[in-house]
Amino acid sequence: METRMNYRSANPEAFKALLGLEQFIRNSGLDHELYEWIKLRASQINNCSFCIDMHAKDLLSMGVSAEKIMVLTAWHEAPHFTAKERAVLELTEYATKLSEAGVPRDVYDRVREHFDEKQFVDLIMAINAINSWNRISVSTGLFPGAFD
């Protein structure tokens, strides 16, 4: 396989801008493992193989079981996820597929059981960030190992 371009070198300013959003999220207080779940689930929805590979490996390196990672696409039926994780995964799905149904009030309410208003905005920013990375990666033809 061959990438279409290296977006990092083609437009370093754009790459730097998105890294700024990543830094904001890292400094927001959002749990790092929870952020990786957001990244992996959105990447699955967006069919971004580069990001799926990266974030599954990141979760493994954090000590998350391979079994839990493998059942993420069926998290609704899997007992592996906490109520808090489920709320975030549901928000991730709705916010990633925004044109299908928006974010229903009951989804918002489930998330707010675990997160205050500031944290809710942090979650949305995290979902926005990975959706941006996915769109860049898919559009430029990235695949697992493309930068190795």
N, C-alpha and C. Protein backbone atom coordinates (compact mmCIF):
# COMPACT_ATOMS: atom_id res chain seq x y z
N MET A 1 0.84 -1.18 0.00
CA MET A 1 0.00 0.00 0.00
C MET A 1 0.88 1.24 0.00
N GLU A 2 0.30 2.28 -0.48
CA GLU A 2 1.03 3.54 -0.54
C GLU A 2 0.10 4.68 -0.11
N THR A 3 0.60 5.57 0.72
CA THR A 3 -0.21 6.72 1.12
C THR A 3 -0.33 7.69 -0.05
N ARG A 4 -1.37 8.49 -0.02
CA ARG A 4 -1.56 9.51 -1.06
C ARG A 4 -0.61 10.67 -0.85
N MET A 5 -0.40 11.00 0.43
CA MET A 5 0.52 12.08 0.78
C MET A 5 0.83 12.00 2.25
N ASN A 6 1.88 12.68 2.64
CA ASN A 6 2.19 12.84 4.05
C ASN A 6 1.65 14.21 4.46
N TYR A 7 0.48 14.21 5.07
CA TYR A 7 -0.16 15.48 5.42
C TYR A 7 0.67 16.28 6.41
N ARG A 8 1.49 15.60 7.21
CA ARG A 8 2.32 16.30 8.20
C ARG A 8 3.32 17.23 7.52
N SER A 9 3.94 16.74 6.47
CA SER A 9 4.92 17.58 5.76
C SER A 9 4.25 18.46 4.71
N ALA A 10 3.11 18.04 4.17
CA ALA A 10 2.42 18.83 3.16
C ALA A 10 1.86 20.13 3.73
N ASN A 11 1.42 20.08 5.01
CA ASN A 11 0.86 21.27 5.63
C ASN A 11 1.11 21.22 7.14
N PRO A 12 2.34 21.53 7.54
CA PRO A 12 2.70 21.45 8.97
C PRO A 12 1.84 22.33 9.87
N GLU A 13 1.35 23.44 9.35
CA GLU A 13 0.53 24.34 10.17
C GLU A 13 -0.81 23.68 10.52
N ALA A 14 -1.39 22.96 9.58
CA ALA A 14 -2.65 22.26 9.84
C ALA A 14 -2.42 21.16 10.88
N PHE A 15 -1.33 20.43 10.72
CA PHE A 15 -0.96 19.37 11.67
C PHE A 15 -0.77 19.97 13.07
N LYS A 16 -0.09 21.09 13.14
CA LYS A 16 0.15 21.77 14.42
C LYS A 16 -1.17 22.23 15.06
N ALA A 17 -2.10 22.71 14.24
CA ALA A 17 -3.39 23.17 14.76
C ALA A 17 -4.14 22.02 15.43
N LEU A 18 -4.15 20.86 14.79
CA LEU A 18 -4.85 19.71 15.37
C LEU A 18 -4.11 19.19 16.61
N LEU A 19 -2.80 19.28 16.60
CA LEU A 19 -2.04 18.92 17.81
C LEU A 19 -2.40 19.84 18.97
N GLY A 20 -2.72 21.10 18.66
CA GLY A 20 -3.15 22.04 19.70
C GLY A 20 -4.45 21.59 20.35
N LEU A 21 -5.37 21.05 19.55
CA LEU A 21 -6.62 20.52 20.10
C LEU A 21 -6.32 19.31 20.98
N GLU A 22 -5.41 18.45 20.54
CA GLU A 22 -5.00 17.29 21.35
C GLU A 22 -4.44 17.75 22.70
N GLN A 23 -3.63 18.78 22.68
CA GLN A 23 -3.04 19.30 23.93
C GLN A 23 -4.13 19.83 24.85
N PHE A 24 -5.11 20.53 24.28
CA PHE A 24 -6.23 21.02 25.08
C PHE A 24 -6.93 19.86 25.79
N ILE A 25 -7.20 18.79 25.04
CA ILE A 25 -7.90 17.64 25.61
C ILE A 25 -7.05 16.98 26.69
N ARG A 26 -5.76 16.81 26.43
CA ARG A 26 -4.87 16.20 27.43
C ARG A 26 -4.86 17.01 28.73
N ASN A 27 -4.97 18.32 28.61
CA ASN A 27 -4.94 19.20 29.79
C ASN A 27 -6.32 19.39 30.42
N SER A 28 -7.36 18.83 29.81
CA SER A 28 -8.73 19.07 30.27
C SER A 28 -9.09 18.28 31.53
N GLY A 29 -8.33 17.24 31.82
CA GLY A 29 -8.65 16.37 32.95
C GLY A 29 -9.42 15.12 32.53
N LEU A 30 -9.73 14.99 31.25
CA LEU A 30 -10.41 13.79 30.75
C LEU A 30 -9.52 12.58 30.98
N ASP A 31 -10.10 11.53 31.54
CA ASP A 31 -9.37 10.29 31.79
C ASP A 31 -8.75 9.79 30.48
N HIS A 32 -7.45 9.48 30.52
CA HIS A 32 -6.73 9.10 29.30
C HIS A 32 -7.28 7.80 28.69
N GLU A 33 -7.59 6.82 29.52
CA GLU A 33 -8.13 5.58 28.98
C GLU A 33 -9.49 5.81 28.33
N LEU A 34 -10.32 6.63 28.96
CA LEU A 34 -11.62 6.94 28.39
C LEU A 34 -11.46 7.63 27.04
N TYR A 35 -10.48 8.50 26.93
CA TYR A 35 -10.22 9.16 25.66
C TYR A 35 -9.81 8.14 24.59
N GLU A 36 -9.04 7.15 24.98
CA GLU A 36 -8.65 6.12 24.01
C GLU A 36 -9.86 5.32 23.54
N TRP A 37 -10.83 5.08 24.44
CA TRP A 37 -12.06 4.40 24.01
C TRP A 37 -12.82 5.25 23.01
N ILE A 38 -12.88 6.56 23.24
CA ILE A 38 -13.52 7.47 22.29
C ILE A 38 -12.81 7.37 20.94
N LYS A 39 -11.48 7.43 20.97
CA LYS A 39 -10.70 7.39 19.74
C LYS A 39 -10.93 6.09 18.98
N LEU A 40 -10.91 4.98 19.70
CA LEU A 40 -11.06 3.70 19.02
C LEU A 40 -12.47 3.53 18.45
N ARG A 41 -13.49 3.89 19.22
CA ARG A 41 -14.86 3.69 18.73
C ARG A 41 -15.16 4.59 17.53
N ALA A 42 -14.78 5.85 17.59
CA ALA A 42 -15.00 6.75 16.45
C ALA A 42 -14.23 6.26 15.23
N SER A 43 -13.02 5.78 15.44
CA SER A 43 -12.21 5.28 14.33
C SER A 43 -12.83 4.06 13.69
N GLN A 44 -13.46 3.21 14.49
CA GLN A 44 -14.17 2.06 13.93
C GLN A 44 -15.34 2.53 13.06
N ILE A 45 -16.11 3.47 13.57
CA ILE A 45 -17.26 3.99 12.83
C ILE A 45 -16.81 4.62 11.51
N ASN A 46 -15.69 5.33 11.54
CA ASN A 46 -15.18 6.04 10.37
C ASN A 46 -14.29 5.17 9.47
N ASN A 47 -14.14 3.89 9.82
CA ASN A 47 -13.32 2.97 9.02
C ASN A 47 -11.91 3.48 8.79
N CYS A 48 -11.30 4.00 9.85
CA CYS A 48 -9.93 4.50 9.76
C CYS A 48 -8.98 3.43 10.30
N SER A 49 -8.44 2.62 9.40
CA SER A 49 -7.59 1.51 9.83
C SER A 49 -6.34 1.98 10.55
N PHE A 50 -5.76 3.09 10.11
CA PHE A 50 -4.58 3.64 10.76
C PHE A 50 -4.86 3.95 12.23
N CYS A 51 -5.98 4.62 12.49
CA CYS A 51 -6.33 5.02 13.85
C CYS A 51 -6.83 3.84 14.69
N ILE A 52 -7.55 2.90 14.08
CA ILE A 52 -7.98 1.71 14.81
C ILE A 52 -6.76 0.97 15.33
N ASP A 53 -5.80 0.75 14.46
CA ASP A 53 -4.56 0.08 14.84
C ASP A 53 -3.85 0.81 15.98
N MET A 54 -3.69 2.11 15.83
CA MET A 54 -2.97 2.91 16.82
C MET A 54 -3.65 2.88 18.19
N HIS A 55 -4.96 3.09 18.22
CA HIS A 55 -5.64 3.22 19.50
C HIS A 55 -5.91 1.88 20.17
N ALA A 56 -6.06 0.83 19.40
CA ALA A 56 -6.13 -0.51 20.01
C ALA A 56 -4.80 -0.84 20.68
N LYS A 57 -3.71 -0.54 20.01
CA LYS A 57 -2.38 -0.76 20.59
C LYS A 57 -2.17 0.11 21.83
N ASP A 58 -2.64 1.35 21.77
CA ASP A 58 -2.51 2.24 22.94
C ASP A 58 -3.26 1.67 24.14
N LEU A 59 -4.47 1.16 23.91
CA LEU A 59 -5.24 0.56 25.01
C LEU A 59 -4.54 -0.68 25.55
N LEU A 60 -4.01 -1.50 24.66
CA LEU A 60 -3.26 -2.68 25.11
C LEU A 60 -2.07 -2.28 25.98
N SER A 61 -1.36 -1.24 25.56
CA SER A 61 -0.18 -0.79 26.32
C SER A 61 -0.57 -0.19 27.67
N MET A 62 -1.83 0.21 27.81
CA MET A 62 -2.33 0.73 29.09
C MET A 62 -2.81 -0.39 30.00
N GLY A 63 -2.73 -1.62 29.52
CA GLY A 63 -3.13 -2.76 30.33
C GLY A 63 -4.57 -3.21 30.13
N VAL A 64 -5.27 -2.65 29.16
CA VAL A 64 -6.64 -3.08 28.86
C VAL A 64 -6.57 -4.44 28.18
N SER A 65 -7.49 -5.32 28.53
CA SER A 65 -7.47 -6.67 27.96
C SER A 65 -7.84 -6.67 26.48
N ALA A 66 -7.22 -7.58 25.75
CA ALA A 66 -7.54 -7.75 24.33
C ALA A 66 -9.00 -8.11 24.17
N GLU A 67 -9.53 -8.88 25.10
CA GLU A 67 -10.94 -9.28 25.04
C GLU A 67 -11.87 -8.07 25.05
N LYS A 68 -11.60 -7.11 25.93
CA LYS A 68 -12.45 -5.92 26.01
C LYS A 68 -12.33 -5.09 24.73
N ILE A 69 -11.14 -4.99 24.20
CA ILE A 69 -10.93 -4.23 22.96
C ILE A 69 -11.67 -4.90 21.81
N MET A 70 -11.61 -6.23 21.75
CA MET A 70 -12.23 -6.95 20.64
C MET A 70 -13.76 -6.85 20.64
N VAL A 71 -14.38 -6.64 21.79
CA VAL A 71 -15.84 -6.57 21.82
C VAL A 71 -16.38 -5.15 21.72
N LEU A 72 -15.50 -4.19 21.49
CA LEU A 72 -15.95 -2.79 21.45
C LEU A 72 -17.05 -2.55 20.43
N THR A 73 -16.96 -3.15 19.27
CA THR A 73 -18.01 -2.90 18.26
C THR A 73 -19.38 -3.39 18.72
N ALA A 74 -19.40 -4.29 19.69
CA ALA A 74 -20.66 -4.81 20.24
C ALA A 74 -20.81 -4.42 21.71
N TRP A 75 -20.34 -3.24 22.08
CA TRP A 75 -20.34 -2.82 23.48
C TRP A 75 -21.74 -2.84 24.09
N HIS A 76 -22.77 -2.64 23.28
CA HIS A 76 -24.15 -2.65 23.79
C HIS A 76 -24.48 -3.99 24.45
N GLU A 77 -23.92 -5.07 23.91
CA GLU A 77 -24.23 -6.42 24.40
C GLU A 77 -23.14 -6.99 25.30
N ALA A 78 -22.01 -6.34 25.41
CA ALA A 78 -20.87 -6.87 26.17
C ALA A 78 -20.89 -6.36 27.61
N PRO A 79 -20.63 -7.23 28.58
CA PRO A 79 -20.65 -6.83 29.99
C PRO A 79 -19.37 -6.13 30.45
N HIS A 80 -18.44 -5.89 29.56
CA HIS A 80 -17.10 -5.40 29.91
C HIS A 80 -17.04 -3.92 30.28
N PHE A 81 -18.07 -3.16 29.95
CA PHE A 81 -18.00 -1.70 30.07
C PHE A 81 -18.85 -1.18 31.22
N THR A 82 -18.31 -0.18 31.93
CA THR A 82 -19.03 0.45 33.03
C THR A 82 -20.14 1.34 32.48
N ALA A 83 -21.02 1.77 33.35
CA ALA A 83 -22.09 2.68 32.95
C ALA A 83 -21.50 3.99 32.41
N LYS A 84 -20.44 4.45 33.01
CA LYS A 84 -19.78 5.68 32.56
C LYS A 84 -19.18 5.48 31.16
N GLU A 85 -18.50 4.37 30.95
CA GLU A 85 -17.93 4.08 29.63
C GLU A 85 -19.03 3.94 28.58
N ARG A 86 -20.12 3.27 28.95
CA ARG A 86 -21.24 3.10 28.03
C ARG A 86 -21.83 4.45 27.61
N ALA A 87 -21.97 5.34 28.56
CA ALA A 87 -22.51 6.67 28.25
C ALA A 87 -21.60 7.40 27.26
N VAL A 88 -20.31 7.30 27.48
CA VAL A 88 -19.35 7.97 26.60
C VAL A 88 -19.33 7.32 25.22
N LEU A 89 -19.38 6.00 25.16
CA LEU A 89 -19.40 5.31 23.87
C LEU A 89 -20.66 5.67 23.09
N GLU A 90 -21.78 5.76 23.78
CA GLU A 90 -23.03 6.13 23.11
C GLU A 90 -22.95 7.56 22.57
N LEU A 91 -22.43 8.48 23.38
CA LEU A 91 -22.25 9.85 22.92
C LEU A 91 -21.31 9.90 21.72
N THR A 92 -20.24 9.13 21.80
CA THR A 92 -19.28 9.08 20.69
C THR A 92 -19.96 8.64 19.40
N GLU A 93 -20.78 7.61 19.48
CA GLU A 93 -21.47 7.13 18.29
C GLU A 93 -22.42 8.18 17.73
N TYR A 94 -23.23 8.78 18.57
CA TYR A 94 -24.19 9.77 18.08
C TYR A 94 -23.49 11.02 17.54
N ALA A 95 -22.46 11.49 18.24
CA ALA A 95 -21.77 12.70 17.78
C ALA A 95 -20.95 12.43 16.52
N THR A 96 -20.48 11.21 16.34
CA THR A 96 -19.73 10.86 15.13
C THR A 96 -20.66 10.71 13.94
N LYS A 97 -21.85 10.17 14.18
CA LYS A 97 -22.85 10.00 13.11
C LYS A 97 -23.93 11.07 13.26
N LEU A 98 -23.53 12.28 13.45
CA LEU A 98 -24.41 13.40 13.81
C LEU A 98 -25.59 13.58 12.86
N SER A 99 -25.38 13.39 11.59
CA SER A 99 -26.45 13.65 10.62
C SER A 99 -27.59 12.63 10.71
N GLU A 100 -27.37 11.51 11.35
CA GLU A 100 -28.40 10.47 11.43
C GLU A 100 -29.50 10.78 12.45
N ALA A 101 -29.12 11.29 13.62
CA ALA A 101 -30.13 11.52 14.66
C ALA A 101 -29.76 12.65 15.62
N GLY A 102 -28.68 13.35 15.35
CA GLY A 102 -28.21 14.33 16.31
C GLY A 102 -27.76 13.63 17.58
N VAL A 103 -27.84 14.30 18.70
CA VAL A 103 -27.57 13.68 20.00
C VAL A 103 -28.88 13.75 20.78
N PRO A 104 -29.59 12.63 20.87
CA PRO A 104 -30.89 12.63 21.57
C PRO A 104 -30.76 13.05 23.03
N ARG A 105 -31.83 13.62 23.55
CA ARG A 105 -31.84 14.11 24.93
C ARG A 105 -31.51 13.00 25.93
N ASP A 106 -32.00 11.78 25.72
CA ASP A 106 -31.73 10.71 26.68
C ASP A 106 -30.25 10.33 26.69
N VAL A 107 -29.58 10.46 25.56
CA VAL A 107 -28.13 10.21 25.51
C VAL A 107 -27.41 11.30 26.31
N TYR A 108 -27.78 12.54 26.06
CA TYR A 108 -27.21 13.67 26.81
C TYR A 108 -27.41 13.45 28.31
N ASP A 109 -28.62 13.08 28.71
CA ASP A 109 -28.91 12.89 30.13
C ASP A 109 -28.07 11.77 30.74
N ARG A 110 -27.87 10.68 30.01
CA ARG A 110 -27.04 9.57 30.53
C ARG A 110 -25.59 10.03 30.73
N VAL A 111 -25.09 10.81 29.80
CA VAL A 111 -23.72 11.32 29.94
C VAL A 111 -23.63 12.27 31.13
N ARG A 112 -24.62 13.12 31.28
CA ARG A 112 -24.60 14.10 32.38
C ARG A 112 -24.73 13.46 33.75
N GLU A 113 -25.15 12.21 33.83
CA GLU A 113 -25.15 11.50 35.12
C GLU A 113 -23.73 11.30 35.63
N HIS A 114 -22.76 11.35 34.73
CA HIS A 114 -21.37 11.07 35.08
C HIS A 114 -20.44 12.27 34.90
N PHE A 115 -20.88 13.28 34.15
CA PHE A 115 -20.01 14.40 33.79
C PHE A 115 -20.76 15.72 33.95
N ASP A 116 -20.05 16.75 34.45
CA ASP A 116 -20.66 18.08 34.55
C ASP A 116 -20.61 18.76 33.17
N GLU A 117 -21.08 20.00 33.10
CA GLU A 117 -21.16 20.70 31.82
C GLU A 117 -19.79 20.88 31.18
N LYS A 118 -18.80 21.29 31.96
CA LYS A 118 -17.45 21.47 31.42
C LYS A 118 -16.93 20.16 30.87
N GLN A 119 -17.10 19.09 31.63
CA GLN A 119 -16.62 17.78 31.19
C GLN A 119 -17.36 17.30 29.94
N PHE A 120 -18.64 17.63 29.84
CA PHE A 120 -19.40 17.28 28.64
C PHE A 120 -18.77 17.95 27.42
N VAL A 121 -18.45 19.22 27.54
CA VAL A 121 -17.80 19.94 26.43
C VAL A 121 -16.44 19.31 26.13
N ASP A 122 -15.69 18.92 27.16
CA ASP A 122 -14.41 18.24 26.94
C ASP A 122 -14.61 16.96 26.14
N LEU A 123 -15.65 16.20 26.46
CA LEU A 123 -15.95 14.97 25.71
C LEU A 123 -16.24 15.28 24.25
N ILE A 124 -17.05 16.32 24.01
CA ILE A 124 -17.37 16.69 22.63
C ILE A 124 -16.11 17.13 21.89
N MET A 125 -15.24 17.85 22.55
CA MET A 125 -13.99 18.26 21.91
C MET A 125 -13.13 17.04 21.59
N ALA A 126 -13.11 16.05 22.49
CA ALA A 126 -12.36 14.82 22.24
C ALA A 126 -12.93 14.07 21.03
N ILE A 127 -14.24 14.00 20.95
CA ILE A 127 -14.89 13.34 19.82
C ILE A 127 -14.60 14.11 18.53
N ASN A 128 -14.64 15.43 18.60
CA ASN A 128 -14.30 16.25 17.43
C ASN A 128 -12.87 15.98 16.97
N ALA A 129 -11.95 15.90 17.92
CA ALA A 129 -10.54 15.71 17.57
C ALA A 129 -10.33 14.41 16.82
N ILE A 130 -10.83 13.30 17.35
CA ILE A 130 -10.57 12.03 16.67
C ILE A 130 -11.31 11.97 15.33
N ASN A 131 -12.47 12.56 15.24
CA ASN A 131 -13.14 12.60 13.95
C ASN A 131 -12.32 13.40 12.93
N SER A 132 -11.66 14.45 13.37
CA SER A 132 -10.76 15.21 12.48
C SER A 132 -9.58 14.35 12.05
N TRP A 133 -8.94 13.69 13.02
CA TRP A 133 -7.81 12.81 12.68
C TRP A 133 -8.24 11.72 11.71
N ASN A 134 -9.41 11.12 11.96
CA ASN A 134 -9.92 10.07 11.06
C ASN A 134 -10.09 10.60 9.64
N ARG A 135 -10.66 11.76 9.52
CA ARG A 135 -10.93 12.31 8.20
C ARG A 135 -9.64 12.64 7.45
N ILE A 136 -8.65 13.12 8.17
CA ILE A 136 -7.35 13.38 7.54
C ILE A 136 -6.70 12.06 7.13
N SER A 137 -6.71 11.09 8.03
CA SER A 137 -6.04 9.82 7.76
C SER A 137 -6.68 9.07 6.60
N VAL A 138 -8.00 8.99 6.58
CA VAL A 138 -8.70 8.29 5.50
C VAL A 138 -8.50 9.04 4.18
N SER A 139 -8.63 10.36 4.20
CA SER A 139 -8.52 11.14 2.97
C SER A 139 -7.13 11.09 2.35
N THR A 140 -6.09 10.96 3.19
CA THR A 140 -4.73 10.92 2.67
C THR A 140 -4.20 9.50 2.50
N GLY A 141 -5.06 8.51 2.74
CA GLY A 141 -4.70 7.13 2.46
C GLY A 141 -3.78 6.47 3.47
N LEU A 142 -3.87 6.88 4.73
CA LEU A 142 -3.02 6.24 5.74
C LEU A 142 -3.52 4.82 6.04
N PHE A 143 -2.62 3.98 6.44
CA PHE A 143 -2.89 2.61 6.80
C PHE A 143 -1.96 2.23 7.94
N PRO A 144 -2.25 1.17 8.67
CA PRO A 144 -1.35 0.79 9.78
C PRO A 144 0.08 0.63 9.30
N GLY A 145 1.00 1.29 9.99
CA GLY A 145 2.42 1.23 9.64
C GLY A 145 2.85 2.24 8.59
N ALA A 146 1.97 3.12 8.18
CA ALA A 146 2.29 4.07 7.11
C ALA A 146 3.47 4.97 7.45
N PHE A 147 3.70 5.26 8.71
CA PHE A 147 4.80 6.14 9.10
C PHE A 147 5.98 5.37 9.67
N ASP A 148 5.96 4.04 9.59
CA ASP A 148 7.08 3.23 10.11
C ASP A 148 8.30 3.35 9.22
